[in-house]
């Protein structure tokens, strides 16, 4: 919606990368090992090619989404409710972008609880951003921002 001229190109890139990435992940899935650390933290050791395929797809995608939502918050002159939703969804995406991958490298019970808690907050932010218009339907009927005459 933000870059309609790029939509077809972006969709093609996503399909190509997803197809290749799924192949890489599938062929490396047989090498996934798990271990229980002495402190009770359960970890999965994923082969490097699968990690690179996942991170190479999800990180740019989530970063792009976060930038678009936050860009709409800071630069757009649309309904303030859309700006607010952009802020909530963008903040949620940034939080997910940091806490999600951190979950795979945390090796202490306290760190696991903190990262899992941040992922719960992320989910709540996403739900608020999505369902805000249903909870407050009057937000969708407000008048648009009009640039004052100089």
Foldseek 3Di string as FASTA:
>chain_A
DQCVVCVVVVVVVLVVLVVVLVVQQVVQVVVKDWDQDPQGDIAIDGDPSNVCSVCVPPLVVLVVLLCVLQCCLPPNQWQNLSNVLSVLLSVLSVLCSPLVVVCRVDDHPVSNVVSVVSPVVSVVSNCCSVCVCVVPVVSVVDDTGDDDDD
